[in-house]
Amino acid sequence: MSTTKIALVTGGSRGLGKNMAQHLAQKGLDVILTYHSKKDEAEAVVAELQALGRKAAALQLDASNVGSFTGFFEQVKATLRETFGTDRFDFLINNAGTGLYQPYGQVTEQQFDDMLNIHFKGPFFLTQQALPLMNDGGGIVNISSGLTRIIYPNSATYASMKAAMETLTKYQAKELAGRRIRVNIVAPGAIETDFGGGRTRDNKDVNAHIASLTAMGRVGLPTDVGPVVAFLCTEEAGWIDAQRIEVSGGQGI
């Protein structure tokens, strides 16, 4: 049986998740990535990873729908057998998510629940259900945001869910230590993607404002974050556990 490590990346068809998948493949890992609706984009990423000599597959997942997870992991089991020739994977990257820019006083209960489901409840139970399929000695990388430290108006709901994930990360690291599963959380600063409707990438005023508040003098790119996540899934990062790693270029310091 192959000793190649396998990573499962949620939301891996575009943006940060795509870049994470690319860098995981470059480091010699095979990849299962999930997509919500853009199957063509996901399949294009799979083809790209295969061109790098890696095994890869894409599965549909609504990471906010806990009720779908049992069926999803049946698909994961089948894919592991058919595509990868194994019954286990090694690393889980909880990347899937959406943005919300809404003043605190105007947030609706539905918006709150949507953020809760995609950013906290979803990854909480997805990870729980993933554990029986994960190898001991693997790892989990959760994704947070610089907004848990840098307080910008209109991000209270989103940032609160990410703060919950930061606390959960420490508990996961403690409780999974017996299996040598390391758990860390990466907190990107503002990144130029289509996240949140492409606000940071496409709004020149927003982009310039964030750049002015960032020590490195620019807004982040997906390729600033993907390599950090990939590194955490290597033996070189084997002594990094229970850490919040901010990747923001010194934003808001």
Protein backbone atom coordinates (compact mmCIF):
# COMPACT_ATOMS: atom_id res chain seq x y z
CA MET A 1 0.00 0.00 0.00
CA SER A 2 1.24 3.46 -0.91
CA THR A 3 2.79 5.57 1.82
CA THR A 4 1.78 8.76 0.02
CA LYS A 5 -0.16 11.06 2.31
CA ILE A 6 -3.65 12.16 1.31
CA ALA A 7 -5.27 15.50 2.17
CA LEU A 8 -8.98 16.35 2.04
CA VAL A 9 -9.54 20.05 1.26
CA THR A 10 -13.04 21.50 1.54
CA GLY A 11 -13.83 24.32 -0.86
CA GLY A 12 -10.90 23.35 -3.05
CA SER A 13 -12.20 24.36 -6.48
CA ARG A 14 -11.19 28.02 -6.34
CA GLY A 15 -9.50 30.77 -4.34
CA LEU A 16 -7.55 29.81 -1.26
CA GLY A 17 -8.65 26.17 -1.36
CA LYS A 18 -7.42 25.72 -4.92
CA ASN A 19 -4.06 27.22 -4.01
CA MET A 20 -3.84 24.95 -0.95
CA ALA A 21 -4.54 21.91 -3.13
CA GLN A 22 -1.89 22.98 -5.64
CA HIS A 23 0.78 23.40 -2.98
CA LEU A 24 -0.16 20.15 -1.23
CA ALA A 25 0.36 18.38 -4.55
CA GLN A 26 3.67 20.15 -5.08
CA LYS A 27 4.78 18.78 -1.70
CA GLY A 28 3.94 15.24 -2.82
CA LEU A 29 0.51 14.75 -1.27
CA ASP A 30 -2.50 13.32 -3.06
CA VAL A 31 -5.68 15.38 -2.74
CA ILE A 32 -9.42 14.99 -2.43
CA LEU A 33 -11.07 18.36 -2.87
CA THR A 34 -14.68 19.35 -2.43
CA TYR A 35 -16.79 21.84 -4.32
CA HIS A 36 -20.25 23.23 -3.62
CA SER A 37 -21.61 23.91 -7.11
CA LYS A 38 -18.77 24.53 -9.57
CA LYS A 39 -18.00 20.98 -10.70
CA ASP A 40 -16.19 22.10 -13.86
CA GLU A 41 -13.77 24.26 -11.87
CA ALA A 42 -13.16 21.40 -9.43
CA GLU A 43 -12.46 18.94 -12.24
CA ALA A 44 -10.01 21.42 -13.77
CA VAL A 45 -8.10 21.53 -10.49
CA VAL A 46 -8.08 17.71 -10.37
CA ALA A 47 -6.60 17.62 -13.88
CA GLU A 48 -3.96 20.13 -12.85
CA LEU A 49 -2.96 18.06 -9.82
CA GLN A 50 -2.84 14.91 -11.93
CA ALA A 51 -0.53 16.71 -14.35
CA LEU A 52 1.81 17.18 -11.40
CA GLY A 53 1.89 13.39 -11.02
CA ARG A 54 -0.50 13.21 -8.08
CA LYS A 55 -3.71 11.30 -7.57
CA ALA A 56 -6.69 13.58 -7.10
CA ALA A 57 -10.48 13.55 -6.98
CA ALA A 58 -13.32 16.03 -6.51
CA LEU A 59 -16.53 15.43 -4.53
CA GLN A 60 -19.59 17.61 -4.08
CA LEU A 61 -20.20 18.85 -0.54
CA ASP A 62 -22.37 21.45 1.11
CA ALA A 63 -20.12 22.05 4.10
CA SER A 64 -22.93 23.84 5.93
CA ASN A 65 -25.34 20.88 5.79
CA VAL A 66 -24.49 18.52 8.64
CA GLY A 67 -27.23 16.12 7.54
CA SER A 68 -25.35 15.43 4.29
CA PHE A 69 -22.08 14.41 5.94
CA THR A 70 -22.85 10.70 6.41
CA GLY A 71 -23.53 10.31 2.70
CA PHE A 72 -20.50 12.41 1.85
CA PHE A 73 -18.16 10.20 3.83
CA GLU A 74 -19.59 7.12 2.11
CA GLN A 75 -18.44 8.80 -1.10
CA VAL A 76 -15.06 9.52 0.48
CA LYS A 77 -14.68 5.84 1.42
CA ALA A 78 -15.49 4.74 -2.12
CA THR A 79 -13.13 7.32 -3.62
CA LEU A 80 -10.30 6.32 -1.30
CA ARG A 81 -10.68 2.70 -2.44
CA GLU A 82 -11.17 3.34 -6.14
CA THR A 83 -8.82 6.26 -6.78
CA PHE A 84 -6.20 5.99 -4.06
CA GLY A 85 -6.14 2.28 -3.19
CA THR A 86 -6.53 2.82 0.53
CA ASP A 87 -9.20 3.26 3.19
CA ARG A 88 -7.73 6.18 5.13
CA PHE A 89 -6.55 9.72 4.59
CA ASP A 90 -4.12 11.84 6.60
CA PHE A 91 -4.98 15.53 6.62
CA LEU A 92 -8.23 17.50 6.75
CA ILE A 93 -8.27 21.17 5.74
CA ASN A 94 -11.51 22.91 6.75
CA ASN A 95 -11.41 25.71 4.22
CA ALA A 96 -14.95 26.02 2.77
CA GLY A 97 -16.71 29.23 3.66
CA THR A 98 -18.53 32.36 2.55
CA GLY A 99 -18.31 35.99 3.59
CA LEU A 100 -20.79 38.35 5.19
CA TYR A 101 -20.37 42.12 5.42
CA GLN A 102 -23.27 43.42 7.48
CA PRO A 103 -23.43 45.93 10.35
CA TYR A 104 -24.01 44.15 13.65
CA GLY A 105 -27.31 45.94 14.23
CA GLN A 106 -28.70 44.73 10.90
CA VAL A 107 -27.70 41.04 11.01
CA THR A 108 -30.72 38.77 10.59
CA GLU A 109 -31.20 35.46 12.35
CA GLN A 110 -30.96 33.71 8.97
CA GLN A 111 -27.63 35.37 8.22
CA PHE A 112 -26.37 34.39 11.66
CA ASP A 113 -27.46 30.78 11.16
CA ASP A 114 -25.86 30.66 7.71
CA MET A 115 -22.53 31.85 9.13
CA LEU A 116 -22.83 29.47 12.07
CA ASN A 117 -23.48 26.48 9.83
CA ILE A 118 -20.74 27.08 7.26
CA HIS A 119 -18.01 28.35 9.57
CA PHE A 120 -18.50 26.55 12.89
CA LYS A 121 -21.20 23.88 13.10
CA GLY A 122 -20.20 22.47 9.71
CA PRO A 123 -16.47 22.03 10.39
CA PHE A 124 -17.21 20.93 13.98
CA PHE A 125 -19.21 17.91 12.83
CA LEU A 126 -17.39 17.32 9.54
CA THR A 127 -14.17 16.83 11.50
CA GLN A 128 -15.94 14.62 14.00
CA GLN A 129 -17.17 12.35 11.22
CA ALA A 130 -13.81 12.43 9.43
CA LEU A 131 -11.84 11.13 12.40
CA PRO A 132 -12.64 7.41 11.92
CA LEU A 133 -11.17 7.64 8.40
CA MET A 134 -8.03 9.54 9.40
CA ASN A 135 -4.69 7.95 10.03
CA ASP A 136 -3.00 8.45 13.38
CA GLY A 137 -0.13 10.89 13.03
CA GLY A 138 -1.99 13.06 10.53
CA GLY A 139 -3.35 16.52 11.05
CA ILE A 140 -6.16 19.02 10.79
CA VAL A 141 -5.80 22.58 9.53
CA ASN A 142 -8.70 24.87 10.31
CA ILE A 143 -9.06 28.26 8.66
CA SER A 144 -9.76 31.41 10.65
CA SER A 145 -9.35 35.06 9.74
CA GLY A 146 -7.26 38.06 10.69
CA LEU A 147 -10.61 39.59 11.66
CA THR A 148 -10.54 37.77 15.00
CA ARG A 149 -7.66 40.10 15.91
CA ILE A 150 -8.19 43.11 13.62
CA ILE A 151 -11.61 44.59 14.35
CA TYR A 152 -13.26 45.95 11.20
CA PRO A 153 -16.92 47.01 11.33
CA ASN A 154 -19.47 44.81 9.53
CA SER A 155 -17.63 41.54 10.19
CA ALA A 156 -18.94 40.73 13.69
CA THR A 157 -20.89 37.61 12.69
CA TYR A 158 -18.23 36.07 10.46
CA ALA A 159 -15.38 36.87 12.85
CA SER A 160 -17.26 35.48 15.86
CA MET A 161 -17.61 32.10 14.14
CA LYS A 162 -13.92 32.12 13.32
CA ALA A 163 -13.08 32.94 16.95
CA ALA A 164 -15.11 29.89 17.94
CA MET A 165 -13.01 27.81 15.53
CA GLU A 166 -9.83 29.13 17.14
CA THR A 167 -11.00 27.89 20.54
CA LEU A 168 -12.16 24.58 19.09
CA THR A 169 -8.73 24.09 17.50
CA LYS A 170 -7.03 24.07 20.90
CA TYR A 171 -9.52 21.56 22.28
CA GLN A 172 -9.13 19.33 19.23
CA ALA A 173 -5.35 19.42 19.59
CA LYS A 174 -5.62 18.43 23.25
CA GLU A 175 -8.17 15.67 22.75
CA LEU A 176 -6.61 14.17 19.62
CA ALA A 177 -3.05 14.19 20.94
CA GLY A 178 -3.34 10.51 21.86
CA ARG A 179 -3.63 9.75 18.16
CA ARG A 180 -0.78 12.15 17.32
CA ILE A 181 -3.16 14.20 15.19
CA ARG A 182 -1.92 17.78 15.18
CA VAL A 183 -4.49 20.57 14.90
CA ASN A 184 -3.62 24.12 13.90
CA ILE A 185 -5.53 27.09 12.54
CA VAL A 186 -4.36 29.48 9.84
CA ALA A 187 -5.73 33.04 9.91
CA PRO A 188 -5.33 34.84 6.58
CA GLY A 189 -5.52 38.59 6.37
CA ALA A 190 -7.42 40.22 3.52
CA ILE A 191 -6.85 38.22 0.34
CA GLU A 192 -7.55 38.98 -3.32
CA THR A 193 -10.10 36.28 -4.24
CA ASP A 194 -13.78 36.21 -5.15
CA PHE A 195 -14.56 35.60 -1.45
CA GLY A 196 -17.27 37.98 -0.26
CA GLY A 197 -18.11 38.90 -3.82
CA GLY A 198 -14.51 39.79 -4.65
CA ARG A 199 -14.68 42.85 -2.42
CA THR A 200 -10.98 42.98 -1.51
CA ARG A 201 -9.82 42.14 -5.03
CA ASP A 202 -12.17 44.27 -7.10
CA ASN A 203 -12.86 47.37 -4.99
CA LYS A 204 -9.82 49.57 -5.55
CA ASP A 205 -10.57 51.79 -2.54
CA VAL A 206 -10.91 48.79 -0.20
CA ASN A 207 -7.75 47.24 -1.64
CA ALA A 208 -5.72 50.43 -1.23
CA HIS A 209 -7.00 51.02 2.29
CA ILE A 210 -6.04 47.52 3.44
CA ALA A 211 -2.64 47.79 1.74
CA SER A 212 -2.02 51.03 3.63
CA LEU A 213 -2.66 49.24 6.92
CA THR A 214 -0.41 46.29 6.11
CA ALA A 215 3.27 46.27 7.00
CA MET A 216 4.24 44.56 3.73
CA GLY A 217 2.39 47.26 1.80
CA ARG A 218 -0.05 45.18 -0.22
CA VAL A 219 -3.11 42.95 0.05
CA GLY A 220 -2.51 39.22 0.30
CA LEU A 221 -2.77 36.71 -2.57
CA PRO A 222 -3.91 33.08 -2.41
CA THR A 223 -0.33 31.96 -3.00
CA ASP A 224 0.67 33.70 0.24
CA VAL A 225 -1.55 31.29 2.19
CA GLY A 226 -1.57 27.99 0.32
CA PRO A 227 2.10 27.15 0.98
CA VAL A 228 1.64 27.71 4.74
CA VAL A 229 -1.26 25.26 4.88
CA ALA A 230 0.71 22.75 2.81
CA PHE A 231 3.71 23.11 5.12
CA LEU A 232 1.55 22.25 8.13
CA CYS A 233 0.80 18.93 6.40
CA THR A 234 4.45 17.87 6.24
CA GLU A 235 6.84 16.15 8.62
CA GLU A 236 8.80 19.40 8.90
CA ALA A 237 5.82 20.86 10.79
CA GLY A 238 5.57 17.85 13.06
CA TRP A 239 6.16 19.85 16.25
CA ILE A 240 3.64 22.58 15.48
CA ASP A 241 0.39 21.92 17.31
CA ALA A 242 -2.52 23.93 18.75
CA GLN A 243 -1.29 27.15 17.10
CA ARG A 244 -3.02 30.10 15.47
CA ILE A 245 -0.78 31.14 12.59
CA GLU A 246 -1.72 34.49 11.08
CA VAL A 247 -0.73 34.98 7.46
CA SER A 248 -1.53 38.63 6.86
CA GLY A 249 1.68 40.43 5.90
CA GLY A 250 1.54 42.33 9.17
CA GLN A 251 -1.96 43.73 8.61
CA GLY A 252 -3.18 46.05 11.33
CA ILE A 253 -0.06 46.01 13.48
